[in-house]
Amino acid sequence: MRTDEQRPGLVIHASSGEPDALRAVLRYAANFVAAGDGTRRVDVVVHGPALDLVLADSDLREQVSELHGAGLVMFSACANTMAGRGVTAGDLHPATEVVPAAVVHLAQRQWDGWAYLRP
């Protein structure tokens, strides 16, 4: 039997680095959590220009901290994008987990039953 911790949630695929698009990603995550039942998590997967969202010096770092602090939103950064941009784990917001490849992580989440959203 699946526990709440193992329940699939929503995976948000963020690839645009446009400020309005990054704010929209955070808004979608917050809205999902607010309207949800308190057991479904959100995984915001960033790659390409969207990596800016989870950089430690991001203009949106406070919103990232608030969402992560609520316990239902996680952030995953693509290691391939990081390598291409010369970014290390130390350059990321502490709420961010590094995944080997965004495309593989997104596929695995979907195979595990997570809903997919690409704003």
C-alpha atoms as a PDB file:
ATOM      1  CA  MET A   1       0.000   0.000   0.000  1.00  0.00           C
ATOM      2  CA  ARG A   2       1.233   3.477  -0.862  1.00  0.00           C
ATOM      3  CA  THR A   3       1.873   5.926   1.964  1.00  0.00           C
ATOM      4  CA  ASP A   4       1.237   9.660   1.621  1.00  0.00           C
ATOM      5  CA  GLU A   5       4.983  10.227   1.216  1.00  0.00           C
ATOM      6  CA  GLN A   6       4.930   7.923  -1.810  1.00  0.00           C
ATOM      7  CA  ARG A   7       1.805   9.373  -3.447  1.00  0.00           C
ATOM      8  CA  PRO A   8       2.364  10.862  -6.858  1.00  0.00           C
ATOM      9  CA  GLY A   9       1.916  14.588  -7.153  1.00  0.00           C
ATOM     10  CA  LEU A  10       2.496  17.252  -9.775  1.00  0.00           C
ATOM     11  CA  VAL A  11       5.735  17.677 -11.682  1.00  0.00           C
ATOM     12  CA  ILE A  12       6.165  21.145 -13.170  1.00  0.00           C
ATOM     13  CA  HIS A  13       8.602  21.307 -16.081  1.00  0.00           C
ATOM     14  CA  ALA A  14      10.279  24.719 -16.173  1.00  0.00           C
ATOM     15  CA  SER A  15      12.530  25.586 -19.093  1.00  0.00           C
ATOM     16  CA  SER A  16      11.998  29.301 -19.726  1.00  0.00           C
ATOM     17  CA  GLY A  17      14.198  31.803 -17.963  1.00  0.00           C
ATOM     18  CA  GLU A  18      11.815  34.698 -18.557  1.00  0.00           C
ATOM     19  CA  PRO A  19      11.025  36.373 -15.211  1.00  0.00           C
ATOM     20  CA  ASP A  20       7.241  36.206 -15.767  1.00  0.00           C
ATOM     21  CA  ALA A  21       7.484  32.507 -16.628  1.00  0.00           C
ATOM     22  CA  LEU A  22       9.525  31.774 -13.491  1.00  0.00           C
ATOM     23  CA  ARG A  23       7.025  33.638 -11.306  1.00  0.00           C
ATOM     24  CA  ALA A  24       4.204  31.687 -12.974  1.00  0.00           C
ATOM     25  CA  VAL A  25       5.897  28.381 -12.120  1.00  0.00           C
ATOM     26  CA  LEU A  26       6.029  29.372  -8.449  1.00  0.00           C
ATOM     27  CA  ARG A  27       2.416  30.551  -8.568  1.00  0.00           C
ATOM     28  CA  TYR A  28       1.271  27.232 -10.075  1.00  0.00           C
ATOM     29  CA  ALA A  29       3.124  25.305  -7.373  1.00  0.00           C
ATOM     30  CA  ALA A  30       1.616  27.471  -4.608  1.00  0.00           C
ATOM     31  CA  ASN A  31      -1.885  27.162  -6.063  1.00  0.00           C
ATOM     32  CA  PHE A  32      -1.591  23.382  -6.296  1.00  0.00           C
ATOM     33  CA  VAL A  33      -0.495  23.117  -2.675  1.00  0.00           C
ATOM     34  CA  ALA A  34      -3.190  25.531  -1.467  1.00  0.00           C
ATOM     35  CA  ALA A  35      -5.980  23.690  -3.270  1.00  0.00           C
ATOM     36  CA  GLY A  36      -4.677  20.204  -2.561  1.00  0.00           C
ATOM     37  CA  ASP A  37      -5.343  17.753   0.218  1.00  0.00           C
ATOM     38  CA  GLY A  38      -1.992  18.301   1.930  1.00  0.00           C
ATOM     39  CA  THR A  39      -0.493  15.003   0.795  1.00  0.00           C
ATOM     40  CA  ARG A  40       0.387  15.572  -2.850  1.00  0.00           C
ATOM     41  CA  ARG A  41       3.789  17.067  -3.504  1.00  0.00           C
ATOM     42  CA  VAL A  42       5.056  19.315  -6.280  1.00  0.00           C
ATOM     43  CA  ASP A  43       8.412  18.756  -7.971  1.00  0.00           C
ATOM     44  CA  VAL A  44       9.566  21.814  -9.927  1.00  0.00           C
ATOM     45  CA  VAL A  45      12.106  20.492 -12.442  1.00  0.00           C
ATOM     46  CA  VAL A  46      14.314  23.180 -13.973  1.00  0.00           C
ATOM     47  CA  HIS A  47      16.679  23.034 -16.907  1.00  0.00           C
ATOM     48  CA  GLY A  48      18.037  25.364 -19.535  1.00  0.00           C
ATOM     49  CA  PRO A  49      17.419  29.050 -18.799  1.00  0.00           C
ATOM     50  CA  ALA A  50      14.961  28.135 -15.995  1.00  0.00           C
ATOM     51  CA  LEU A  51      17.949  27.115 -13.879  1.00  0.00           C
ATOM     52  CA  ASP A  52      18.005  30.801 -12.881  1.00  0.00           C
ATOM     53  CA  LEU A  53      14.997  30.088 -10.635  1.00  0.00           C
ATOM     54  CA  VAL A  54      17.047  27.981  -8.216  1.00  0.00           C
ATOM     55  CA  LEU A  55      20.313  29.860  -8.175  1.00  0.00           C
ATOM     56  CA  ALA A  56      21.249  30.998  -4.687  1.00  0.00           C
ATOM     57  CA  ASP A  57      21.208  34.642  -5.780  1.00  0.00           C
ATOM     58  CA  SER A  58      17.890  34.424  -7.661  1.00  0.00           C
ATOM     59  CA  ASP A  59      15.504  37.343  -7.291  1.00  0.00           C
ATOM     60  CA  LEU A  60      12.905  34.686  -6.401  1.00  0.00           C
ATOM     61  CA  ARG A  61      14.947  32.982  -3.654  1.00  0.00           C
ATOM     62  CA  GLU A  62      12.539  34.052  -0.896  1.00  0.00           C
ATOM     63  CA  GLN A  63       9.539  32.554  -2.708  1.00  0.00           C
ATOM     64  CA  VAL A  64      11.527  29.350  -3.338  1.00  0.00           C
ATOM     65  CA  SER A  65      12.363  29.197   0.385  1.00  0.00           C
ATOM     66  CA  GLU A  66       8.738  29.757   1.416  1.00  0.00           C
ATOM     67  CA  LEU A  67       7.382  27.078  -0.885  1.00  0.00           C
ATOM     68  CA  HIS A  68      10.034  24.567   0.087  1.00  0.00           C
ATOM     69  CA  GLY A  69       9.605  25.375   3.768  1.00  0.00           C
ATOM     70  CA  ALA A  70       5.929  24.442   3.582  1.00  0.00           C
ATOM     71  CA  GLY A  71       7.089  20.865   2.995  1.00  0.00           C
ATOM     72  CA  LEU A  72       5.230  19.967  -0.189  1.00  0.00           C
ATOM     73  CA  VAL A  73       7.325  21.646  -2.887  1.00  0.00           C
ATOM     74  CA  MET A  74      10.723  20.384  -3.997  1.00  0.00           C
ATOM     75  CA  PHE A  75      13.053  21.753  -6.651  1.00  0.00           C
ATOM     76  CA  SER A  76      15.156  19.605  -8.984  1.00  0.00           C
ATOM     77  CA  ALA A  77      17.953  21.009 -11.158  1.00  0.00           C
ATOM     78  CA  CYS A  78      19.363  19.315 -14.239  1.00  0.00           C
ATOM     79  CA  ALA A  79      23.036  18.402 -13.824  1.00  0.00           C
ATOM     80  CA  ASN A  80      23.537  18.574 -17.597  1.00  0.00           C
ATOM     81  CA  THR A  81      22.345  22.182 -17.669  1.00  0.00           C
ATOM     82  CA  MET A  82      24.496  22.982 -14.658  1.00  0.00           C
ATOM     83  CA  ALA A  83      27.596  21.535 -16.320  1.00  0.00           C
ATOM     84  CA  GLY A  84      26.890  23.452 -19.515  1.00  0.00           C
ATOM     85  CA  ARG A  85      26.614  26.708 -17.606  1.00  0.00           C
ATOM     86  CA  GLY A  86      29.485  26.077 -15.198  1.00  0.00           C
ATOM     87  CA  VAL A  87      27.140  26.001 -12.186  1.00  0.00           C
ATOM     88  CA  THR A  88      27.936  23.835  -9.156  1.00  0.00           C
ATOM     89  CA  ALA A  89      25.669  22.567  -6.384  1.00  0.00           C
ATOM     90  CA  GLY A  90      27.128  25.315  -4.190  1.00  0.00           C
ATOM     91  CA  ASP A  91      25.648  27.913  -6.540  1.00  0.00           C
ATOM     92  CA  LEU A  92      22.118  26.605  -5.993  1.00  0.00           C
ATOM     93  CA  HIS A  93      19.448  27.508  -3.479  1.00  0.00           C
ATOM     94  CA  PRO A  94      19.751  25.009  -0.602  1.00  0.00           C
ATOM     95  CA  ALA A  95      16.235  23.693  -1.333  1.00  0.00           C
ATOM     96  CA  THR A  96      17.432  22.316  -4.671  1.00  0.00           C
ATOM     97  CA  GLU A  97      18.264  18.699  -5.422  1.00  0.00           C
ATOM     98  CA  VAL A  98      20.455  17.930  -8.417  1.00  0.00           C
ATOM     99  CA  VAL A  99      19.187  15.245 -10.813  1.00  0.00           C
ATOM    100  CA  PRO A 100      21.438  13.729 -13.488  1.00  0.00           C
ATOM    101  CA  ALA A 101      19.184  14.715 -16.409  1.00  0.00           C
ATOM    102  CA  ALA A 102      15.910  16.638 -16.369  1.00  0.00           C
ATOM    103  CA  VAL A 103      14.483  14.590 -19.228  1.00  0.00           C
ATOM    104  CA  VAL A 104      15.036  11.310 -17.381  1.00  0.00           C
ATOM    105  CA  HIS A 105      13.699  12.713 -14.106  1.00  0.00           C
ATOM    106  CA  LEU A 106      10.561  14.034 -15.834  1.00  0.00           C
ATOM    107  CA  ALA A 107       9.958  10.705 -17.559  1.00  0.00           C
ATOM    108  CA  GLN A 108      10.446   8.755 -14.326  1.00  0.00           C
ATOM    109  CA  ARG A 109       8.006  10.978 -12.458  1.00  0.00           C
ATOM    110  CA  GLN A 110       5.396  10.380 -15.165  1.00  0.00           C
ATOM    111  CA  TRP A 111       6.000   6.622 -15.152  1.00  0.00           C
ATOM    112  CA  ASP A 112       5.486   6.755 -11.381  1.00  0.00           C
ATOM    113  CA  GLY A 113       2.058   8.351 -11.863  1.00  0.00           C
ATOM    114  CA  TRP A 114       2.842  12.037 -11.368  1.00  0.00           C
ATOM    115  CA  ALA A 115       0.765  14.569 -13.311  1.00  0.00           C
ATOM    116  CA  TYR A 116       2.803  16.700 -15.733  1.00  0.00           C
ATOM    117  CA  LEU A 117       2.518  20.437 -16.279  1.00  0.00           C
ATOM    118  CA  ARG A 118       4.616  22.505 -18.652  1.00  0.00           C
ATOM    119  CA  PRO A 119       3.597  26.147 -18.401  1.00  0.00           C
END
